[in-house]
C-alpha atoms as a PDB file:
ATOM      1  CA  GLY A   1      -5.436   9.914  12.470  1.00  0.00           C
ATOM      2  CA  VAL A   2      -3.465   6.563  12.483  1.00  0.00           C
ATOM      3  CA  LEU A   3      -5.518   5.191   9.821  1.00  0.00           C
ATOM      4  CA  GLU A   4      -4.816   7.818   7.324  1.00  0.00           C
ATOM      5  CA  GLY A   5      -1.180   7.395   7.530  1.00  0.00           C
ATOM      6  CA  GLU A   6      -1.385   3.589   7.336  1.00  0.00           C
ATOM      7  CA  GLY A   7      -3.535   4.261   4.310  1.00  0.00           C
ATOM      8  CA  GLU A   8      -0.820   6.345   2.786  1.00  0.00           C
ATOM      9  CA  GLU A   9       1.612   3.742   3.566  1.00  0.00           C
ATOM     10  CA  GLU A  10      -0.173   1.064   1.847  1.00  0.00           C
ATOM     11  CA  GLU A  11      -0.631   3.161  -1.255  1.00  0.00           C
ATOM     12  CA  GLU A  12       3.169   3.430  -1.484  1.00  0.00           C
ATOM     13  CA  ASP A  13       3.655  -0.011  -0.968  1.00  0.00           C
ATOM     14  CA  ALA A  14       1.059  -1.075  -3.393  1.00  0.00           C
ATOM     15  CA  GLY A  15       2.852   0.910  -6.211  1.00  0.00           C
ATOM     16  CA  GLY A  16       6.562  -0.730  -5.422  1.00  0.00           C
ATOM     17  CA  ALA A  17       7.959   2.298  -4.522  1.00  0.00           C
ATOM     18  CA  GLY A  18       8.306   1.295  -0.778  1.00  0.00           C
ATOM     19  CA  ALA A  19      11.773  -0.351  -1.306  1.00  0.00           C
ATOM     20  CA  GLY A  20      13.531   1.928   1.635  1.00  0.00           C
ATOM     21  CA  GLY A  21      13.187  -0.821   3.924  1.00  0.00           C
ATOM     22  CA  GLN A  22      12.037   1.250   6.752  1.00  0.00           C
ATOM     23  CA  GLY A  23       8.840  -0.427   7.475  1.00  0.00           C
ATOM     24  CA  CYS A  24       7.890  -2.293  10.491  1.00  0.00           C
ATOM     25  CA  GLY A  25       6.428  -5.278   9.121  1.00  0.00           C
ATOM     26  CA  VAL A  26       3.162  -7.093  10.125  1.00  0.00           C
ATOM     27  CA  THR A  27       2.059  -5.730  13.591  1.00  0.00           C
ATOM     28  CA  ASP A  28      -1.434  -5.926  15.215  1.00  0.00           C
ATOM     29  CA  THR A  29      -1.837  -2.152  14.586  1.00  0.00           C
ATOM     30  CA  THR A  30      -0.946  -2.262  10.942  1.00  0.00           C
ATOM     31  CA  SER A  31      -2.951  -5.439  10.520  1.00  0.00           C
ATOM     32  CA  LYS A  32      -6.153  -3.653  12.134  1.00  0.00           C
ATOM     33  CA  ALA A  33      -5.400  -0.524   9.719  1.00  0.00           C
ATOM     34  CA  ARG A  34      -5.261  -2.747   6.582  1.00  0.00           C
ATOM     35  CA  MET A  35      -8.405  -4.551   7.558  1.00  0.00           C
ATOM     36  CA  TRP A  36      -9.970  -1.126   8.091  1.00  0.00           C
ATOM     37  CA  LEU A  37      -8.831  -0.195   4.706  1.00  0.00           C
ATOM     38  CA  ALA A  38     -10.005  -3.359   3.077  1.00  0.00           C
ATOM     39  CA  ARG A  39     -13.575  -2.808   4.545  1.00  0.00           C
ATOM     40  CA  TYR A  40     -13.610   0.864   3.315  1.00  0.00           C
ATOM     41  CA  GLU A  41     -12.611  -0.358  -0.201  1.00  0.00           C
ATOM     42  CA  PHE A  42     -15.207  -2.959  -0.290  1.00  0.00           C
ATOM     43  CA  ALA A  43     -17.936  -0.179   1.071  1.00  0.00           C
ATOM     44  CA  ARG A  44     -16.854   2.156  -1.722  1.00  0.00           C
ATOM     45  CA  GLY A  45     -17.060  -0.567  -4.396  1.00  0.00           C
ATOM     46  CA  GLY A  46     -13.191  -1.159  -4.891  1.00  0.00           C
ATOM     47  CA  PHE A  47     -13.460  -4.940  -4.785  1.00  0.00           C
ATOM     48  CA  THR A  48     -10.276  -5.436  -6.395  1.00  0.00           C
ATOM     49  CA  ARG A  49      -8.116  -3.636  -4.021  1.00  0.00           C
ATOM     50  CA  ALA A  50     -10.465  -4.646  -0.981  1.00  0.00           C
ATOM     51  CA  MET A  51      -9.777  -8.499  -2.226  1.00  0.00           C
ATOM     52  CA  ARG A  52      -6.024  -7.989  -2.553  1.00  0.00           C
ATOM     53  CA  LEU A  53      -5.773  -6.508   1.077  1.00  0.00           C
ATOM     54  CA  ALA A  54      -8.095  -9.146   2.580  1.00  0.00           C
ATOM     55  CA  THR A  55      -6.208 -11.793   0.997  1.00  0.00           C
ATOM     56  CA  GLU A  56      -2.842 -10.536   2.188  1.00  0.00           C
ATOM     57  CA  LEU A  57      -4.283 -10.370   5.808  1.00  0.00           C
ATOM     58  CA  CYS A  58      -5.257 -14.003   5.456  1.00  0.00           C
ATOM     59  CA  GLN A  59      -1.673 -14.871   4.741  1.00  0.00           C
ATOM     60  CA  ASP A  60      -0.312 -12.537   7.546  1.00  0.00           C
ATOM     61  CA  GLY A  61      -1.685 -14.591  10.464  1.00  0.00           C
ATOM     62  CA  VAL A  62      -3.492 -11.552  12.128  1.00  0.00           C
ATOM     63  CA  GLU A  63      -7.131 -10.732  11.570  1.00  0.00           C
ATOM     64  CA  VAL A  64      -7.517 -14.059   9.829  1.00  0.00           C
ATOM     65  CA  GLU A  65     -10.864 -14.901  10.488  1.00  0.00           C
ATOM     66  CA  ASP A  66     -12.208 -11.444   9.843  1.00  0.00           C
ATOM     67  CA  ALA A  67     -10.197 -11.240   6.490  1.00  0.00           C
ATOM     68  CA  LYS A  68     -11.527 -14.565   5.455  1.00  0.00           C
ATOM     69  CA  ALA A  69     -15.280 -13.510   6.138  1.00  0.00           C
ATOM     70  CA  LEU A  70     -14.486 -10.339   4.061  1.00  0.00           C
ATOM     71  CA  VAL A  71     -13.023 -12.637   1.103  1.00  0.00           C
ATOM     72  CA  ARG A  72     -16.303 -14.406   1.356  1.00  0.00           C
ATOM     73  CA  ASP A  73     -18.303 -11.175   1.176  1.00  0.00           C
ATOM     74  CA  ILE A  74     -16.311  -9.861  -1.603  1.00  0.00           C
ATOM     75  CA  ARG A  75     -16.602 -12.679  -3.774  1.00  0.00           C
ATOM     76  CA  ALA A  76     -20.404 -12.815  -3.217  1.00  0.00           C
ATOM     77  CA  ARG A  77     -20.741  -9.336  -4.108  1.00  0.00           C
ATOM     78  CA  MET A  78     -18.469  -9.836  -7.236  1.00  0.00           C
ATOM     79  CA  GLU A  79     -20.563 -12.800  -8.206  1.00  0.00           C
ATOM     80  CA  ARG A  80     -23.872 -11.098  -7.543  1.00  0.00           C
ATOM     81  CA  ASP A  81     -22.874  -7.889  -9.704  1.00  0.00           C
ATOM     82  CA  LYS A  82     -21.703 -10.168 -12.689  1.00  0.00           C
ATOM     83  CA  GLU A  83     -25.171 -12.055 -12.534  1.00  0.00           C
ATOM     84  CA  ASP A  84     -26.999  -8.627 -12.636  1.00  0.00           C
ATOM     85  CA  GLY A  85     -25.303  -7.356 -15.507  1.00  0.00           C
ATOM     86  CA  GLY A  86     -22.043  -6.080 -14.244  1.00  0.00           C
ATOM     87  CA  GLY A  87     -22.179  -2.592 -15.353  1.00  0.00           C
ATOM     88  CA  GLY A  88     -20.173  -0.197 -13.489  1.00  0.00           C
ATOM     89  CA  GLY A  89     -22.944   2.317 -13.101  1.00  0.00           C
ATOM     90  CA  GLY A  90     -25.296  -0.538 -11.811  1.00  0.00           C
ATOM     91  CA  VAL A  91     -22.892  -1.307  -9.008  1.00  0.00           C
ATOM     92  CA  ASP A  92     -22.959   2.035  -7.669  1.00  0.00           C
ATOM     93  CA  ARG A  93     -26.609   2.381  -7.716  1.00  0.00           C
ATOM     94  CA  LYS A  94     -27.052  -1.218  -6.124  1.00  0.00           C
ATOM     95  CA  PHE A  95     -24.549  -0.485  -3.396  1.00  0.00           C
ATOM     96  CA  GLY A  96     -26.219   2.910  -2.605  1.00  0.00           C
ATOM     97  CA  ARG A  97     -29.618   1.077  -1.971  1.00  0.00           C
ATOM     98  CA  GLU A  98     -27.855  -1.645  -0.047  1.00  0.00           C
ATOM     99  CA  MET A  99     -26.078   0.854   2.236  1.00  0.00           C
ATOM    100  CA  VAL A 100     -29.373   2.735   3.039  1.00  0.00           C
ATOM    101  CA  ALA A 101     -31.256  -0.617   3.923  1.00  0.00           C
END
C-alpha cells in the first residue's frame, strides 16, 4: 500500500542515506502518511520515533493540530511511564491493558 512505501522512505531519510535529492518534499499525502506512521509508533510503544515524527509534522505546517495533540499524548504517556517505574517490560504490559480497554 501507499503507507508501506512512505514508511520505507521515512526509514531511509531517518538514516541520513536519502541524500539523492529525488524526494517530493512535504505534501498533503506525505504528511498524512507520516502522521499515520507517528501514530503507529506511538501505539507500539516507539515513543522516541513517534515524538520525532510528530514534532517534524508540527514544523511542516500540515496536520499541525493533530501532530500537536499527538505530541501532548506522547509526553503524557512518557511522563506516566516514568512515574510508574519506567521499566521497558512494564510499558508493554501497561500498553496492552490500555489497548484492550
